[in-house]
Amino acid sequence: MNKQLRYWVDAIKIRYVILGAIVYIGSVFLIAQLIIQPQYGRYHGAVEKQLEIDETYVNLLGLDIEDAVRNINGQLAELDSLEIKFEEKLLKNKRINAVFPVLDRFCTQSQLKVVTLEPLNRAERVGAEYEKHLIRLSVLGKFPDFLGLLDLMESHREWILIETISIAPLEQGNYARFDLVLSVLVLMEQKA
């Protein structure tokens, strides 16, 4: 009987030892999953953020801020000079009729016959400060002479821009009719 009792006691002890080991391993696994794993994830994320911050700091040290400021100031100066050049080419006289004698003279110099030279009585806003006034110009002549007119308009001290152009050949040799819609830019009048 003693042997049998001992056998049962040993069997119960082994079961409890095995059960205890399983409970212990399960508890350790549960603690690792619920407590340690999230903390490790946060730690890993913090390490990555620190590496990103260190890389950004190194990149910032590598930048020469003074060179960047000089570059930006140079670009601003260039833009200011372009704005001055743009405004110098605006029509000085607010009356659109002031450009008609200029266009007539250009046509005469280019040996073109003026058929139509009239305002379209339409002004369109260009940005917040400027207006463009439209002019219709129709001339007769040869194509090389027309190119001369275009060259004169391009080299004029004030903007004379071409909005539309159409060319219709005539039956008389090298002659054609050139119909243009031109525009001139003026500074809008500021209303008080």
Protein backbone atom coordinates (compact mmCIF):
# COMPACT_ATOMS: atom_id res chain seq x y z
CA MET A 1 0.00 0.00 0.00
CA ASN A 2 2.80 2.22 0.78
CA LYS A 3 4.19 1.77 -2.67
CA GLN A 4 0.93 2.54 -4.27
CA LEU A 5 0.44 5.66 -2.19
CA ARG A 6 3.85 6.82 -3.10
CA TYR A 7 3.09 6.22 -6.75
CA TRP A 8 -0.02 8.38 -6.51
CA VAL A 9 1.79 11.12 -4.59
CA ASP A 10 4.56 11.15 -7.20
CA ALA A 11 2.02 11.20 -10.02
CA ILE A 12 0.14 14.10 -8.45
CA LYS A 13 3.37 16.02 -7.86
CA ILE A 14 4.44 15.58 -11.48
CA ARG A 15 1.08 16.76 -12.71
CA TYR A 16 1.27 19.82 -10.49
CA VAL A 17 4.82 20.49 -11.56
CA ILE A 18 3.82 20.20 -15.20
CA LEU A 19 0.70 22.30 -14.61
CA GLY A 20 2.78 24.85 -12.69
CA ALA A 21 5.30 24.99 -15.53
CA ILE A 22 2.52 25.50 -18.07
CA VAL A 23 0.92 28.24 -15.94
CA TYR A 24 4.33 29.87 -15.46
CA ILE A 25 5.16 29.78 -19.17
CA GLY A 26 1.68 31.07 -20.03
CA SER A 27 2.00 33.89 -17.50
CA VAL A 28 5.40 34.88 -18.87
CA PHE A 29 4.05 34.81 -22.43
CA LEU A 30 0.97 36.80 -21.40
CA ILE A 31 3.08 39.40 -19.57
CA ALA A 32 5.40 39.64 -22.58
CA GLN A 33 2.48 40.19 -24.95
CA LEU A 34 0.51 42.62 -22.78
CA ILE A 35 3.25 44.63 -21.10
CA ILE A 36 6.67 44.15 -22.70
CA GLN A 37 5.72 43.99 -26.40
CA PRO A 38 3.88 47.37 -26.50
CA GLN A 39 6.71 49.02 -24.59
CA TYR A 40 9.25 47.52 -26.97
CA GLY A 41 7.22 48.86 -29.93
CA ARG A 42 7.17 52.34 -28.39
CA TYR A 43 10.90 52.12 -27.71
CA HIS A 44 11.58 51.04 -31.29
CA GLY A 45 9.42 53.93 -32.63
CA ALA A 46 11.25 56.41 -30.38
CA VAL A 47 14.61 55.13 -31.64
CA GLU A 48 13.48 55.62 -35.27
CA LYS A 49 12.25 59.17 -34.53
CA GLN A 50 15.55 59.97 -32.84
CA LEU A 51 17.43 58.75 -35.91
CA GLU A 52 15.24 60.93 -38.16
CA ILE A 53 15.85 63.95 -35.93
CA ASP A 54 19.60 63.30 -35.97
CA GLU A 55 19.54 63.03 -39.78
CA THR A 56 17.55 66.28 -40.07
CA TYR A 57 20.00 68.02 -37.74
CA VAL A 58 22.94 66.84 -39.81
CA ASN A 59 21.19 68.03 -42.99
CA LEU A 60 20.50 71.43 -41.44
CA LEU A 61 24.12 71.76 -40.43
CA GLY A 62 25.10 70.96 -44.00
CA LEU A 63 22.99 73.81 -45.39
CA ASP A 64 24.60 77.17 -45.74
CA ILE A 65 21.80 79.48 -44.66
CA GLU A 66 23.69 82.59 -45.71
CA ASP A 67 24.08 81.25 -49.25
CA ALA A 68 20.36 80.47 -49.36
CA VAL A 69 19.49 83.99 -48.19
CA ARG A 70 21.86 85.51 -50.76
CA ASN A 71 20.31 83.35 -53.47
CA ILE A 72 16.79 84.44 -52.50
CA ASN A 73 17.85 88.10 -52.37
CA GLY A 74 19.39 87.75 -55.83
CA GLN A 75 16.17 86.27 -57.18
CA LEU A 76 14.15 89.09 -55.61
CA ALA A 77 16.44 91.69 -57.19
CA GLU A 78 16.05 89.99 -60.59
CA LEU A 79 12.25 89.95 -60.22
CA ASP A 80 12.27 93.64 -59.24
CA SER A 81 14.32 94.51 -62.33
CA LEU A 82 11.94 92.49 -64.53
CA GLU A 83 8.98 94.30 -62.99
CA ILE A 84 10.63 97.65 -63.71
CA LYS A 85 11.31 96.60 -67.32
CA PHE A 86 7.70 95.44 -67.67
CA GLU A 87 6.29 98.70 -66.34
CA GLU A 88 8.62 100.73 -68.59
CA LYS A 89 6.98 99.09 -71.62
CA LEU A 90 3.44 100.03 -70.55
CA LEU A 91 1.67 102.61 -72.69
CA LYS A 92 2.61 105.95 -71.13
CA ASN A 93 -0.38 107.84 -72.49
CA LYS A 94 -3.61 106.50 -70.97
CA ARG A 95 -5.44 107.33 -74.21
CA ILE A 96 -5.31 104.40 -76.57
CA ASN A 97 -5.49 106.74 -79.58
CA ALA A 98 -1.89 107.74 -78.84
CA VAL A 99 -0.67 104.47 -80.35
CA PHE A 100 -2.50 104.92 -83.67
CA PRO A 101 0.03 107.36 -85.20
CA VAL A 102 2.81 104.98 -84.17
CA LEU A 103 1.12 102.03 -85.87
CA ASP A 104 0.36 104.12 -88.97
CA ARG A 105 4.03 105.20 -89.15
CA PHE A 106 5.19 101.58 -88.78
CA CYS A 107 2.89 100.52 -91.64
CA THR A 108 4.21 103.34 -93.83
CA GLN A 109 7.82 102.44 -93.03
CA SER A 110 7.06 98.79 -93.86
CA GLN A 111 5.41 99.80 -97.18
CA LEU A 112 2.04 98.37 -96.16
CA LYS A 113 -1.32 99.98 -96.99
CA VAL A 114 -3.57 100.47 -93.97
CA VAL A 115 -7.13 99.28 -94.58
CA THR A 116 -8.43 99.44 -90.99
CA LEU A 117 -6.98 100.92 -87.83
CA GLU A 118 -9.54 101.29 -85.06
CA PRO A 119 -10.04 100.58 -81.36
CA LEU A 120 -12.28 97.67 -80.43
CA ASN A 121 -13.60 99.69 -77.47
CA ARG A 122 -12.93 96.76 -75.21
CA ALA A 123 -10.61 96.65 -72.24
CA GLU A 124 -9.69 93.50 -70.36
CA ARG A 125 -8.12 93.28 -66.94
CA VAL A 126 -4.67 91.77 -66.72
CA GLY A 127 -3.95 90.95 -63.13
CA ALA A 128 -4.97 93.40 -60.44
CA GLU A 129 -3.17 96.48 -61.77
CA TYR A 130 -3.22 96.42 -65.57
CA GLU A 131 -5.62 96.67 -68.49
CA LYS A 132 -5.17 95.73 -72.10
CA HIS A 133 -6.96 97.69 -74.79
CA LEU A 134 -7.65 95.98 -78.11
CA ILE A 135 -7.05 97.47 -81.56
CA ARG A 136 -8.00 96.13 -84.99
CA LEU A 137 -5.40 96.59 -87.75
CA SER A 138 -5.82 95.41 -91.34
CA VAL A 139 -3.12 96.03 -93.92
CA LEU A 140 -2.35 95.05 -97.51
CA GLY A 141 1.13 94.25 -98.74
CA LYS A 142 3.83 91.66 -99.28
CA PHE A 143 4.82 89.15 -96.68
CA PRO A 144 8.44 90.41 -96.24
CA ASP A 145 7.03 93.92 -95.65
CA PHE A 146 4.63 92.48 -93.07
CA LEU A 147 7.58 90.87 -91.29
CA GLY A 148 9.16 94.33 -91.18
CA LEU A 149 6.02 95.65 -89.46
CA LEU A 150 6.22 92.88 -86.89
CA ASP A 151 9.87 93.70 -86.26
CA LEU A 152 9.05 97.38 -85.73
CA MET A 153 6.25 96.52 -83.30
CA GLU A 154 8.50 94.15 -81.38
CA SER A 155 11.30 96.70 -81.02
CA HIS A 156 8.95 99.53 -80.02
CA ARG A 157 9.63 100.96 -76.54
CA GLU A 158 6.05 100.22 -75.43
CA TRP A 159 4.12 96.96 -75.55
CA ILE A 160 2.25 96.33 -78.78
CA LEU A 161 1.13 92.74 -78.45
CA ILE A 162 -0.51 90.54 -81.09
CA GLU A 163 -3.68 88.84 -79.87
CA THR A 164 -4.80 87.26 -83.17
CA ILE A 165 -3.52 87.25 -86.72
CA SER A 166 -4.92 86.03 -90.01
CA ILE A 167 -3.38 86.11 -93.48
CA ALA A 168 -5.44 85.98 -96.65
CA PRO A 169 -3.52 85.84 -99.96
CA LEU A 170 -4.80 88.13 -102.72
CA GLU A 171 -5.02 87.30 -106.39
CA GLN A 172 -2.48 90.03 -107.23
CA GLY A 173 0.93 88.36 -107.14
CA ASN A 174 2.70 88.31 -103.80
CA TYR A 175 0.17 90.48 -101.98
CA ALA A 176 -1.95 89.46 -99.02
CA ARG A 177 -4.34 90.97 -96.51
CA PHE A 178 -3.10 90.81 -92.92
CA ASP A 179 -5.77 91.16 -90.20
CA LEU A 180 -4.52 91.61 -86.67
CA VAL A 181 -6.03 92.23 -83.28
CA LEU A 182 -3.41 94.04 -81.22
CA SER A 183 -3.36 95.00 -77.57
CA VAL A 184 -1.56 97.64 -75.56
CA LEU A 185 -1.10 97.48 -71.80
CA VAL A 186 -1.81 100.38 -69.46
CA LEU A 187 -1.75 100.80 -65.72
CA MET A 188 -5.30 100.86 -64.39
CA GLU A 189 -6.45 104.07 -62.80
CA GLN A 190 -6.63 103.73 -59.05
CA LYS A 191 -10.00 104.79 -57.69
CA ALA A 192 -9.84 106.69 -54.45
